[in-house]
Each structure stands twice: as structure tokens, then as C-alpha cells.
Amino acid sequence: MRAALTVPVVVVALVGGLLATSCGTGGGAGEIGRGPAVRAATGIEQLRAEVVGTLPHDPKAFTQGLEMTEDGTLYESTGVVGQSSVRAGPLDGFPAVRAELARPLFGEGITVMGPTLWQLTWRNGLALERDARTLAELRRVPYGDEGWGLCHQRHRDRLVTSNGSSRLTFRNPRTLVKTGEVAVTAGGRPVSRLNELECVGDLVYANVWRSDRIMRIDGNSGTVTGEIDAAGLLTPQEAARADVLNGIAAVPGTRQFLLTGKWWPKMFRVAFVPR
């Protein structure tokens, strides 16, 4: 889930102290998530986020999940107890639909699976299945882990989840039962604080909590194949009122992505290019 502040298209503000504790799991002194940036010498491709467009974003959204479907619908999940929600709508009219999460639920990552979507909760032990069109809650399923990031690998018929550690967990897309996991490493070192996720084929893009970095991960081996620097998207004045980067959505039919963060006033359409 992450106690870090992120502002996706549908995130909610959280108390700074609560957020700081919610994303603090995982990561030892030697882990990439807490250490120096990965160097090109490791064979990991070094990229940067090049802005190709800027969109408005709700500065009160504590973004926890962001996803765009092939029909152009953008979905965003936000966190914070009493302010958590899930939202959906076209880019030019977002959000068109919104559903709130009642206390004590803390919203986390989301992913869309055709007519339904899954929304994780942070430490509530539950995942919510919703109607993807109306966002109405359909059922609640026990979830035996902290909920952080979530994405769906359709070609492998599995969900990929994160819990703030250096592991990605695979789950049955209908029951959320764990079916496997993989350790994420960069140059042989664990990458901790894996947060919001986006699946693109066999690749998994992961925000690294409390950083401006996104890891491109081979979803089968856990090996980091690319590191993306997304620093400097906000002006210093905007950054002073916002929290961390958190929210990544692939734009279908392109090689571009949408990026935002917790309590960010903007969302950015970007291309990942060599740096």
C-alpha cells in the first residue's frame, strides 16, 4: 500500500504520519530501494520520463492505483481512511463515476479484468471486487497480506501484487489465492519498497516508494531490466505541497505512460527514453 503520499487521478489525502508508517515495510541496508541508484555498468537500461503532455489531477487524491483500459477509460484508486475511493472516466471528463470506501478501509492498488475490477486495501485484510462500469461493490474476498500494488497479466491469467517488500506475488485472478512469487533484484541486489504496479506483457513496471524511480522488471525472473528516472516532473512550488510519485498506467496502443503522485496537481503523459 505504502504510507507514502501519491496522487493518481483518484487518490485521497492522508495524514502525513499515517502515510509514513503505511509504506515502511521491507528493505534492508543493502537493498536497492534504500541504496544508491542502479548504474548502467550493471547492464540495466537507464531511462528517463520525457513529458509529451500534461493533464490536470485532483490535488486531494492520495493516489494508490492507476490504470487505463483499451476503451480509453482511466481508473484511479485513492487511499486514506475516510477518504479512500475508486474513480473512473475518460481523460477529457475524469472522473465520471466515483465510489467511496467506508471506514476503516484504506484503498490501495487496482486492476481491471474485463467487466470487473479488483481493489486492494492496505491492512484491512480484504480485496474488493467491483463492477468496472458502475464501480458498485460485488463481493469482498479475504486477502492475507498488506495490499500495495496490483496489476493483471492477461496472457498468463494471473495477478501480480506487491506489499512494499522486494517480492512480487502471483495470484489467481478469481480467488486471489497465492500461486507463486519472485524476488526482484537489480545487479543481484534486492529492490525493496515496490509499490504501485503496471503490467505490460511479461514486464512489470513498479514505483519504488519514497523515490522518483520506476523499475522495469522481467515478471518471470524478477530481474530488473530498466530503471526510469521520473524526477523533476513537478515544479519546486508544486512539489512542496505534494507527496511521492505513485501512479503509473500504460496508454493502450502506444509506448507511452501516464504518471502522477499522491496529492499531485498534475498528471503527465510520458515516454521512457534513454538518458
C-alpha atoms as a PDB file:
ATOM      1  CA  MET A   1       0.000   0.000   0.000  1.00  0.00           C
ATOM      2  CA  ARG A   2       2.623   2.435   1.121  1.00  0.00           C
ATOM      3  CA  ALA A   3       2.386   5.167   3.669  1.00  0.00           C
ATOM      4  CA  ALA A   4       3.924   7.418   1.076  1.00  0.00           C
ATOM      5  CA  LEU A   5       1.779  10.104  -0.445  1.00  0.00           C
ATOM      6  CA  THR A   6       0.883   9.592  -4.065  1.00  0.00           C
ATOM      7  CA  VAL A   7      -1.585  11.469  -6.212  1.00  0.00           C
ATOM      8  CA  PRO A   8      -3.200   9.462  -9.030  1.00  0.00           C
ATOM      9  CA  VAL A   9      -6.298  10.580 -10.826  1.00  0.00           C
ATOM     10  CA  VAL A  10      -8.302   9.289  -7.909  1.00  0.00           C
ATOM     11  CA  VAL A  11      -6.298   9.482  -4.768  1.00  0.00           C
ATOM     12  CA  VAL A  12      -7.138  10.839  -1.362  1.00  0.00           C
ATOM     13  CA  ALA A  13      -5.113  12.858   1.136  1.00  0.00           C
ATOM     14  CA  LEU A  14      -3.815  11.135   4.204  1.00  0.00           C
ATOM     15  CA  VAL A  15      -2.349  12.267   7.449  1.00  0.00           C
ATOM     16  CA  GLY A  16       1.398  12.524   6.968  1.00  0.00           C
ATOM     17  CA  GLY A  17       2.192  10.417   9.987  1.00  0.00           C
ATOM     18  CA  LEU A  18      -0.147   7.613   8.976  1.00  0.00           C
ATOM     19  CA  LEU A  19       1.218   7.548   5.457  1.00  0.00           C
ATOM     20  CA  ALA A  20       4.763   7.411   6.668  1.00  0.00           C
ATOM     21  CA  THR A  21       4.015   4.263   8.583  1.00  0.00           C
ATOM     22  CA  SER A  22       1.935   2.557   5.929  1.00  0.00           C
ATOM     23  CA  CYS A  23       4.681   2.245   3.369  1.00  0.00           C
ATOM     24  CA  GLY A  24       7.531   1.405   5.648  1.00  0.00           C
ATOM     25  CA  THR A  25       7.736  -2.355   5.227  1.00  0.00           C
ATOM     26  CA  GLY A  26      10.614  -4.270   3.715  1.00  0.00           C
ATOM     27  CA  GLY A  27      14.122  -3.343   2.769  1.00  0.00           C
ATOM     28  CA  GLY A  28      17.461  -3.837   4.413  1.00  0.00           C
ATOM     29  CA  ALA A  29      20.505  -1.609   4.383  1.00  0.00           C
ATOM     30  CA  GLY A  30      21.882  -3.292   1.286  1.00  0.00           C
ATOM     31  CA  GLU A  31      18.729  -3.213  -0.794  1.00  0.00           C
ATOM     32  CA  ILE A  32      18.343  -1.157  -3.939  1.00  0.00           C
ATOM     33  CA  GLY A  33      15.182   0.518  -2.688  1.00  0.00           C
ATOM     34  CA  ARG A  34      17.157   2.114   0.141  1.00  0.00           C
ATOM     35  CA  GLY A  35      20.509   2.435  -1.538  1.00  0.00           C
ATOM     36  CA  PRO A  36      22.200   4.237  -4.441  1.00  0.00           C
ATOM     37  CA  ALA A  37      20.763   4.293  -7.935  1.00  0.00           C
ATOM     38  CA  VAL A  38      21.455   1.358 -10.191  1.00  0.00           C
ATOM     39  CA  ARG A  39      24.354   2.067 -12.523  1.00  0.00           C
ATOM     40  CA  ALA A  40      24.498   1.398 -16.232  1.00  0.00           C
ATOM     41  CA  ALA A  41      27.502  -0.868 -15.573  1.00  0.00           C
ATOM     42  CA  THR A  42      25.096  -3.467 -14.186  1.00  0.00           C
ATOM     43  CA  GLY A  43      23.565  -3.896 -17.643  1.00  0.00           C
ATOM     44  CA  ILE A  44      20.318  -2.257 -16.572  1.00  0.00           C
ATOM     45  CA  GLU A  45      18.998   0.192 -19.152  1.00  0.00           C
ATOM     46  CA  GLN A  46      18.940   3.739 -17.801  1.00  0.00           C
ATOM     47  CA  LEU A  47      15.886   5.731 -18.892  1.00  0.00           C
ATOM     48  CA  ARG A  48      14.101   8.978 -18.074  1.00  0.00           C
ATOM     49  CA  ALA A  49      10.492  10.108 -18.278  1.00  0.00           C
ATOM     50  CA  GLU A  50      10.135  12.586 -21.152  1.00  0.00           C
ATOM     51  CA  VAL A  51       6.927  14.633 -20.876  1.00  0.00           C
ATOM     52  CA  VAL A  52       4.780  14.695 -24.005  1.00  0.00           C
ATOM     53  CA  GLY A  53       1.630  16.085 -22.390  1.00  0.00           C
ATOM     54  CA  THR A  54       0.245  17.433 -19.108  1.00  0.00           C
ATOM     55  CA  LEU A  55      -3.213  16.791 -17.650  1.00  0.00           C
ATOM     56  CA  PRO A  56      -4.954  18.088 -14.522  1.00  0.00           C
ATOM     57  CA  HIS A  57      -5.100  15.864 -11.444  1.00  0.00           C
ATOM     58  CA  ASP A  58      -7.069  16.122  -8.227  1.00  0.00           C
ATOM     59  CA  PRO A  59      -4.617  17.579  -5.652  1.00  0.00           C
ATOM     60  CA  LYS A  60      -6.693  15.938  -2.905  1.00  0.00           C
ATOM     61  CA  ALA A  61      -6.236  12.471  -4.396  1.00  0.00           C
ATOM     62  CA  PHE A  62      -3.884  10.232  -2.453  1.00  0.00           C
ATOM     63  CA  THR A  63      -3.150   8.033  -5.452  1.00  0.00           C
ATOM     64  CA  GLN A  64      -2.654   4.334  -4.838  1.00  0.00           C
ATOM     65  CA  GLY A  65      -3.513   2.790  -8.191  1.00  0.00           C
ATOM     66  CA  LEU A  66      -3.814   3.981 -11.784  1.00  0.00           C
ATOM     67  CA  GLU A  67      -4.847   2.061 -14.894  1.00  0.00           C
ATOM     68  CA  MET A  68      -6.167   2.796 -18.383  1.00  0.00           C
ATOM     69  CA  THR A  69      -8.184   0.282 -20.396  1.00  0.00           C
ATOM     70  CA  GLU A  70      -8.258  -0.220 -24.144  1.00  0.00           C
ATOM     71  CA  ASP A  71     -11.502   1.738 -24.482  1.00  0.00           C
ATOM     72  CA  GLY A  72      -9.773   4.820 -23.041  1.00  0.00           C
ATOM     73  CA  THR A  73     -11.269   4.654 -19.561  1.00  0.00           C
ATOM     74  CA  LEU A  74      -8.952   5.794 -16.780  1.00  0.00           C
ATOM     75  CA  TYR A  75      -9.285   4.248 -13.325  1.00  0.00           C
ATOM     76  CA  GLU A  76      -7.750   5.603 -10.146  1.00  0.00           C
ATOM     77  CA  SER A  77      -7.756   4.340  -6.579  1.00  0.00           C
ATOM     78  CA  THR A  78      -7.021   6.583  -3.622  1.00  0.00           C
ATOM     79  CA  GLY A  79      -6.148   5.914  -0.007  1.00  0.00           C
ATOM     80  CA  VAL A  80      -6.527   7.336   3.494  1.00  0.00           C
ATOM     81  CA  VAL A  81      -9.141   6.107   5.937  1.00  0.00           C
ATOM     82  CA  GLY A  82     -12.364   8.051   5.459  1.00  0.00           C
ATOM     83  CA  GLN A  83     -11.157   9.446   2.113  1.00  0.00           C
ATOM     84  CA  SER A  84     -10.444   6.310   0.088  1.00  0.00           C
ATOM     85  CA  SER A  85     -12.204   5.928  -3.252  1.00  0.00           C
ATOM     86  CA  VAL A  86     -12.086   4.488  -6.734  1.00  0.00           C
ATOM     87  CA  ARG A  87     -12.824   6.626  -9.779  1.00  0.00           C
ATOM     88  CA  ALA A  88     -13.300   6.073 -13.493  1.00  0.00           C
ATOM     89  CA  GLY A  89     -13.916   8.089 -16.646  1.00  0.00           C
ATOM     90  CA  PRO A  90     -12.450   9.315 -19.942  1.00  0.00           C
ATOM     91  CA  LEU A  91      -9.353  11.502 -19.847  1.00  0.00           C
ATOM     92  CA  ASP A  92     -11.357  14.503 -21.063  1.00  0.00           C
ATOM     93  CA  GLY A  93     -14.047  14.032 -18.412  1.00  0.00           C
ATOM     94  CA  PHE A  94     -12.435  12.290 -15.477  1.00  0.00           C
ATOM     95  CA  PRO A  95     -13.891  11.152 -13.167  1.00  0.00           C
ATOM     96  CA  ALA A  96     -17.341  10.319 -14.486  1.00  0.00           C
ATOM     97  CA  VAL A  97     -18.042   7.720 -11.782  1.00  0.00           C
ATOM     98  CA  ARG A  98     -16.788   7.534  -8.212  1.00  0.00           C
ATOM     99  CA  ALA A  99     -17.283   5.132  -5.299  1.00  0.00           C
ATOM    100  CA  GLU A 100     -16.207   5.749  -1.710  1.00  0.00           C
ATOM    101  CA  LEU A 101     -14.764   3.228   0.744  1.00  0.00           C
ATOM    102  CA  ALA A 102     -16.336   3.335   4.188  1.00  0.00           C
ATOM    103  CA  ARG A 103     -14.204   3.452   7.320  1.00  0.00           C
ATOM    104  CA  PRO A 104     -11.984   1.698   8.296  1.00  0.00           C
ATOM    105  CA  LEU A 105     -10.970   0.697   4.753  1.00  0.00           C
ATOM    106  CA  PHE A 106      -7.801   2.162   3.246  1.00  0.00           C
ATOM    107  CA  GLY A 107      -7.831   1.870  -0.551  1.00  0.00           C
ATOM    108  CA  GLU A 108      -4.809   0.569  -2.452  1.00  0.00           C
ATOM    109  CA  GLY A 109      -3.915  -0.807  -5.877  1.00  0.00           C
ATOM    110  CA  ILE A 110      -6.460  -1.643  -8.579  1.00  0.00           C
ATOM    111  CA  THR A 111      -6.617  -3.594 -11.813  1.00  0.00           C
ATOM    112  CA  VAL A 112      -9.379  -4.075 -14.373  1.00  0.00           C
ATOM    113  CA  MET A 113     -10.378  -7.525 -15.629  1.00  0.00           C
ATOM    114  CA  GLY A 114     -12.960  -7.001 -18.358  1.00  0.00           C
ATOM    115  CA  PRO A 115     -16.344  -6.352 -16.707  1.00  0.00           C
ATOM    116  CA  THR A 116     -14.920  -6.276 -13.176  1.00  0.00           C
ATOM    117  CA  LEU A 117     -12.033  -4.775 -11.259  1.00  0.00           C
ATOM    118  CA  TRP A 118     -10.139  -5.640  -8.096  1.00  0.00           C
ATOM    119  CA  GLN A 119      -9.256  -3.058  -5.478  1.00  0.00           C
ATOM    120  CA  LEU A 120      -6.877  -3.939  -2.651  1.00  0.00           C
ATOM    121  CA  THR A 121      -6.954  -2.497   0.844  1.00  0.00           C
ATOM    122  CA  TRP A 122      -3.823  -1.780   2.830  1.00  0.00           C
ATOM    123  CA  ARG A 123      -4.073  -3.564   6.181  1.00  0.00           C
ATOM    124  CA  ASN A 124      -7.764  -4.415   6.287  1.00  0.00           C
ATOM    125  CA  GLY A 125      -7.275  -7.996   5.097  1.00  0.00           C
ATOM    126  CA  LEU A 126      -9.755  -7.574   2.243  1.00  0.00           C
ATOM    127  CA  ALA A 127      -9.863  -7.164  -1.530  1.00  0.00           C
ATOM    128  CA  LEU A 128     -12.959  -5.692  -3.159  1.00  0.00           C
ATOM    129  CA  GLU A 129     -14.351  -6.887  -6.471  1.00  0.00           C
ATOM    130  CA  ARG A 130     -16.321  -4.196  -8.324  1.00  0.00           C
ATOM    131  CA  ASP A 131     -18.374  -3.718 -11.452  1.00  0.00           C
ATOM    132  CA  ALA A 132     -15.943  -1.980 -13.821  1.00  0.00           C
ATOM    133  CA  ARG A 133     -18.686   0.237 -15.303  1.00  0.00           C
ATOM    134  CA  THR A 134     -20.595   1.370 -12.209  1.00  0.00           C
ATOM    135  CA  LEU A 135     -17.854   0.691  -9.601  1.00  0.00           C
ATOM    136  CA  ALA A 136     -20.505  -0.964  -7.430  1.00  0.00           C
ATOM    137  CA  GLU A 137     -19.057  -3.427  -4.949  1.00  0.00           C
ATOM    138  CA  LEU A 138     -19.819  -7.053  -5.876  1.00  0.00           C
ATOM    139  CA  ARG A 139     -18.044  -9.010  -3.142  1.00  0.00           C
ATOM    140  CA  ARG A 140     -15.246  -8.976  -0.585  1.00  0.00           C
ATOM    141  CA  VAL A 141     -12.511 -11.597  -0.567  1.00  0.00           C
ATOM    142  CA  PRO A 142     -10.091 -12.265   2.321  1.00  0.00           C
ATOM    143  CA  TYR A 143      -6.585 -11.058   1.496  1.00  0.00           C
ATOM    144  CA  GLY A 144      -3.821 -12.362   3.734  1.00  0.00           C
ATOM    145  CA  ASP A 145      -1.192  -9.710   3.142  1.00  0.00           C
ATOM    146  CA  GLU A 146      -0.668  -5.973   3.059  1.00  0.00           C
ATOM    147  CA  GLY A 147      -2.136  -4.588  -0.149  1.00  0.00           C
ATOM    148  CA  TRP A 148       0.087  -2.191  -2.118  1.00  0.00           C
ATOM    149  CA  GLY A 149       0.318  -2.553  -5.899  1.00  0.00           C
ATOM    150  CA  LEU A 150      -1.728  -4.711  -8.276  1.00  0.00           C
ATOM    151  CA  CYS A 151      -1.793  -5.490 -11.999  1.00  0.00           C
ATOM    152  CA  HIS A 152      -3.107  -8.230 -14.298  1.00  0.00           C
ATOM    153  CA  GLN A 153      -1.104 -10.322 -16.774  1.00  0.00           C
ATOM    154  CA  ARG A 154      -3.892 -11.470 -19.059  1.00  0.00           C
ATOM    155  CA  HIS A 155      -1.737 -13.720 -21.224  1.00  0.00           C
ATOM    156  CA  ARG A 156      -0.641 -15.634 -18.125  1.00  0.00           C
ATOM    157  CA  ASP A 157      -4.032 -15.446 -16.409  1.00  0.00           C
ATOM    158  CA  ARG A 158      -2.551 -14.177 -13.159  1.00  0.00           C
ATOM    159  CA  LEU A 159      -2.499 -11.149 -10.926  1.00  0.00           C
ATOM    160  CA  VAL A 160       0.756  -9.597  -9.752  1.00  0.00           C
ATOM    161  CA  THR A 161       0.819  -7.916  -6.333  1.00  0.00           C
ATOM    162  CA  SER A 162       3.304  -6.051  -4.148  1.00  0.00           C
ATOM    163  CA  ASN A 163       3.421  -5.472  -0.388  1.00  0.00           C
ATOM    164  CA  GLY A 164       6.241  -2.970  -0.003  1.00  0.00           C
ATOM    165  CA  SER A 165       8.961  -5.615   0.100  1.00  0.00           C
ATOM    166  CA  SER A 166      11.316  -6.817  -2.643  1.00  0.00           C
ATOM    167  CA  ARG A 167       8.908  -9.564  -3.771  1.00  0.00           C
ATOM    168  CA  LEU A 168       6.211  -9.773  -6.407  1.00  0.00           C
ATOM    169  CA  THR A 169       3.455 -12.272  -5.630  1.00  0.00           C
ATOM    170  CA  PHE A 170       1.357 -14.065  -8.253  1.00  0.00           C
ATOM    171  CA  ARG A 171      -2.316 -14.766  -7.520  1.00  0.00           C
ATOM    172  CA  ASN A 172      -5.298 -16.482  -9.022  1.00  0.00           C
ATOM    173  CA  PRO A 173      -7.328 -13.719 -10.722  1.00  0.00           C
ATOM    174  CA  ARG A 174     -10.657 -15.086  -9.475  1.00  0.00           C
ATOM    175  CA  THR A 175      -9.833 -16.098  -5.897  1.00  0.00           C
ATOM    176  CA  LEU A 176      -6.669 -14.057  -5.156  1.00  0.00           C
ATOM    177  CA  VAL A 177      -5.075 -17.222  -3.767  1.00  0.00           C
ATOM    178  CA  LYS A 178      -1.279 -17.065  -3.946  1.00  0.00           C
ATOM    179  CA  THR A 179       0.173 -19.185  -6.760  1.00  0.00           C
ATOM    180  CA  GLY A 180       3.828 -18.151  -6.617  1.00  0.00           C
ATOM    181  CA  GLU A 181       6.258 -15.312  -6.110  1.00  0.00           C
ATOM    182  CA  VAL A 182       9.542 -13.945  -7.401  1.00  0.00           C
ATOM    183  CA  ALA A 183      12.315 -11.932  -5.745  1.00  0.00           C
ATOM    184  CA  VAL A 184      13.096  -8.679  -7.555  1.00  0.00           C
ATOM    185  CA  THR A 185      16.791  -7.934  -7.965  1.00  0.00           C
ATOM    186  CA  ALA A 186      18.922  -5.347  -9.753  1.00  0.00           C
ATOM    187  CA  GLY A 187      22.501  -6.365 -10.339  1.00  0.00           C
ATOM    188  CA  GLY A 188      21.986  -9.195  -7.874  1.00  0.00           C
ATOM    189  CA  ARG A 189      20.719  -6.946  -5.077  1.00  0.00           C
ATOM    190  CA  PRO A 190      17.130  -6.933  -3.778  1.00  0.00           C
ATOM    191  CA  VAL A 191      14.947  -3.986  -4.786  1.00  0.00           C
ATOM    192  CA  SER A 192      12.776  -3.052  -1.818  1.00  0.00           C
ATOM    193  CA  ARG A 193       9.702  -0.814  -1.389  1.00  0.00           C
ATOM    194  CA  LEU A 194       7.988  -1.995  -4.562  1.00  0.00           C
ATOM    195  CA  ASN A 195       4.731  -0.099  -4.715  1.00  0.00           C
ATOM    196  CA  GLU A 196       2.209   0.679  -7.489  1.00  0.00           C
ATOM    197  CA  LEU A 197       2.424  -1.779 -10.407  1.00  0.00           C
ATOM    198  CA  GLU A 198       1.641  -1.796 -14.119  1.00  0.00           C
ATOM    199  CA  CYS A 199       1.748  -4.965 -16.232  1.00  0.00           C
ATOM    200  CA  VAL A 200       2.745  -4.710 -19.905  1.00  0.00           C
ATOM    201  CA  GLY A 201       3.104  -8.200 -21.360  1.00  0.00           C
ATOM    202  CA  ASP A 202       5.753 -10.040 -19.345  1.00  0.00           C
ATOM    203  CA  LEU A 203       7.111  -6.764 -17.970  1.00  0.00           C
ATOM    204  CA  VAL A 204       6.070  -5.266 -14.656  1.00  0.00           C
ATOM    205  CA  TYR A 205       6.688  -1.565 -14.018  1.00  0.00           C
ATOM    206  CA  ALA A 206       6.945  -0.744 -10.317  1.00  0.00           C
ATOM    207  CA  ASN A 207       7.094   2.570  -8.492  1.00  0.00           C
ATOM    208  CA  VAL A 208       9.731   2.475  -5.752  1.00  0.00           C
ATOM    209  CA  TRP A 209       8.143   4.092  -2.711  1.00  0.00           C
ATOM    210  CA  ARG A 210       9.727   7.298  -1.440  1.00  0.00           C
ATOM    211  CA  SER A 211      11.711   7.762  -4.647  1.00  0.00           C
ATOM    212  CA  ASP A 212      11.340   9.211  -8.139  1.00  0.00           C
ATOM    213  CA  ARG A 213      12.315   5.884  -9.695  1.00  0.00           C
ATOM    214  CA  ILE A 214      10.350   3.264 -11.581  1.00  0.00           C
ATOM    215  CA  MET A 215      11.751  -0.229 -12.117  1.00  0.00           C
ATOM    216  CA  ARG A 216      11.078  -2.224 -15.276  1.00  0.00           C
ATOM    217  CA  ILE A 217      11.048  -5.848 -14.175  1.00  0.00           C
ATOM    218  CA  ASP A 218      11.037  -9.156 -16.023  1.00  0.00           C
ATOM    219  CA  GLY A 219       7.926 -10.639 -14.442  1.00  0.00           C
ATOM    220  CA  ASN A 220       9.150 -14.210 -14.846  1.00  0.00           C
ATOM    221  CA  SER A 221      12.651 -13.926 -13.370  1.00  0.00           C
ATOM    222  CA  GLY A 222      12.280 -10.837 -11.172  1.00  0.00           C
ATOM    223  CA  THR A 223      15.336  -9.280 -12.825  1.00  0.00           C
ATOM    224  CA  VAL A 224      15.283  -5.502 -13.249  1.00  0.00           C
ATOM    225  CA  THR A 225      15.956  -4.718 -16.915  1.00  0.00           C
ATOM    226  CA  GLY A 226      15.492  -0.952 -16.781  1.00  0.00           C
ATOM    227  CA  GLU A 227      15.446   1.910 -14.307  1.00  0.00           C
ATOM    228  CA  ILE A 228      13.453   5.053 -15.092  1.00  0.00           C
ATOM    229  CA  ASP A 229      14.241   8.433 -13.573  1.00  0.00           C
ATOM    230  CA  ALA A 230      10.987  10.384 -13.156  1.00  0.00           C
ATOM    231  CA  ALA A 231      12.404  13.241 -11.076  1.00  0.00           C
ATOM    232  CA  GLY A 232      11.525  16.879 -11.737  1.00  0.00           C
ATOM    233  CA  LEU A 233       8.021  16.441 -13.144  1.00  0.00           C
ATOM    234  CA  LEU A 234       6.565  18.955 -10.678  1.00  0.00           C
ATOM    235  CA  THR A 235       7.876  22.465 -10.115  1.00  0.00           C
ATOM    236  CA  PRO A 236       9.514  23.089  -6.705  1.00  0.00           C
ATOM    237  CA  GLN A 237       6.411  25.002  -5.622  1.00  0.00           C
ATOM    238  CA  GLU A 238       4.098  22.141  -6.656  1.00  0.00           C
ATOM    239  CA  ALA A 239       6.349  19.527  -5.087  1.00  0.00           C
ATOM    240  CA  ALA A 240       6.293  21.364  -1.755  1.00  0.00           C
ATOM    241  CA  ARG A 241       2.532  20.753  -1.495  1.00  0.00           C
ATOM    242  CA  ALA A 242       2.553  17.208  -2.896  1.00  0.00           C
ATOM    243  CA  ASP A 243       3.820  13.823  -1.831  1.00  0.00           C
ATOM    244  CA  VAL A 244       5.586  10.964  -3.570  1.00  0.00           C
ATOM    245  CA  LEU A 245       5.353   9.670  -7.124  1.00  0.00           C
ATOM    246  CA  ASN A 246       2.794   6.841  -7.195  1.00  0.00           C
ATOM    247  CA  GLY A 247       0.619   6.028 -10.134  1.00  0.00           C
ATOM    248  CA  ILE A 248       1.655   4.515 -13.468  1.00  0.00           C
ATOM    249  CA  ALA A 249      -0.656   3.495 -16.301  1.00  0.00           C
ATOM    250  CA  ALA A 250       0.289   2.306 -19.780  1.00  0.00           C
ATOM    251  CA  VAL A 251      -1.581   4.110 -22.564  1.00  0.00           C
ATOM    252  CA  PRO A 252      -3.041   1.320 -24.756  1.00  0.00           C
ATOM    253  CA  GLY A 253      -1.884   1.258 -28.354  1.00  0.00           C
ATOM    254  CA  THR A 254       1.182   3.388 -27.609  1.00  0.00           C
ATOM    255  CA  ARG A 255       4.517   3.147 -25.843  1.00  0.00           C
ATOM    256  CA  GLN A 256       3.554   5.990 -23.546  1.00  0.00           C
ATOM    257  CA  PHE A 257       2.503   6.054 -19.902  1.00  0.00           C
ATOM    258  CA  LEU A 258       0.541   8.247 -17.529  1.00  0.00           C
ATOM    259  CA  LEU A 259       2.355   9.198 -14.320  1.00  0.00           C
ATOM    260  CA  THR A 260       1.123  11.028 -11.237  1.00  0.00           C
ATOM    261  CA  GLY A 261       1.549  11.003  -7.472  1.00  0.00           C
ATOM    262  CA  LYS A 262      -0.103  11.436  -4.125  1.00  0.00           C
ATOM    263  CA  TRP A 263      -1.684  14.873  -3.823  1.00  0.00           C
ATOM    264  CA  TRP A 264      -0.204  15.896  -7.166  1.00  0.00           C
ATOM    265  CA  PRO A 265      -1.957  18.727  -9.047  1.00  0.00           C
ATOM    266  CA  LYS A 266      -0.960  17.250 -12.412  1.00  0.00           C
ATOM    267  CA  MET A 267      -0.751  14.009 -14.321  1.00  0.00           C
ATOM    268  CA  PHE A 268       1.832  13.569 -17.045  1.00  0.00           C
ATOM    269  CA  ARG A 269       1.805  11.680 -20.308  1.00  0.00           C
ATOM    270  CA  VAL A 270       5.364  10.490 -20.819  1.00  0.00           C
ATOM    271  CA  ALA A 271       7.651   8.386 -22.964  1.00  0.00           C
ATOM    272  CA  PHE A 272      10.529   6.446 -21.419  1.00  0.00           C
ATOM    273  CA  VAL A 273      13.662   7.420 -23.354  1.00  0.00           C
ATOM    274  CA  PRO A 274      17.419   6.784 -22.848  1.00  0.00           C
ATOM    275  CA  ARG A 275      19.171   9.205 -20.522  1.00  0.00           C
END
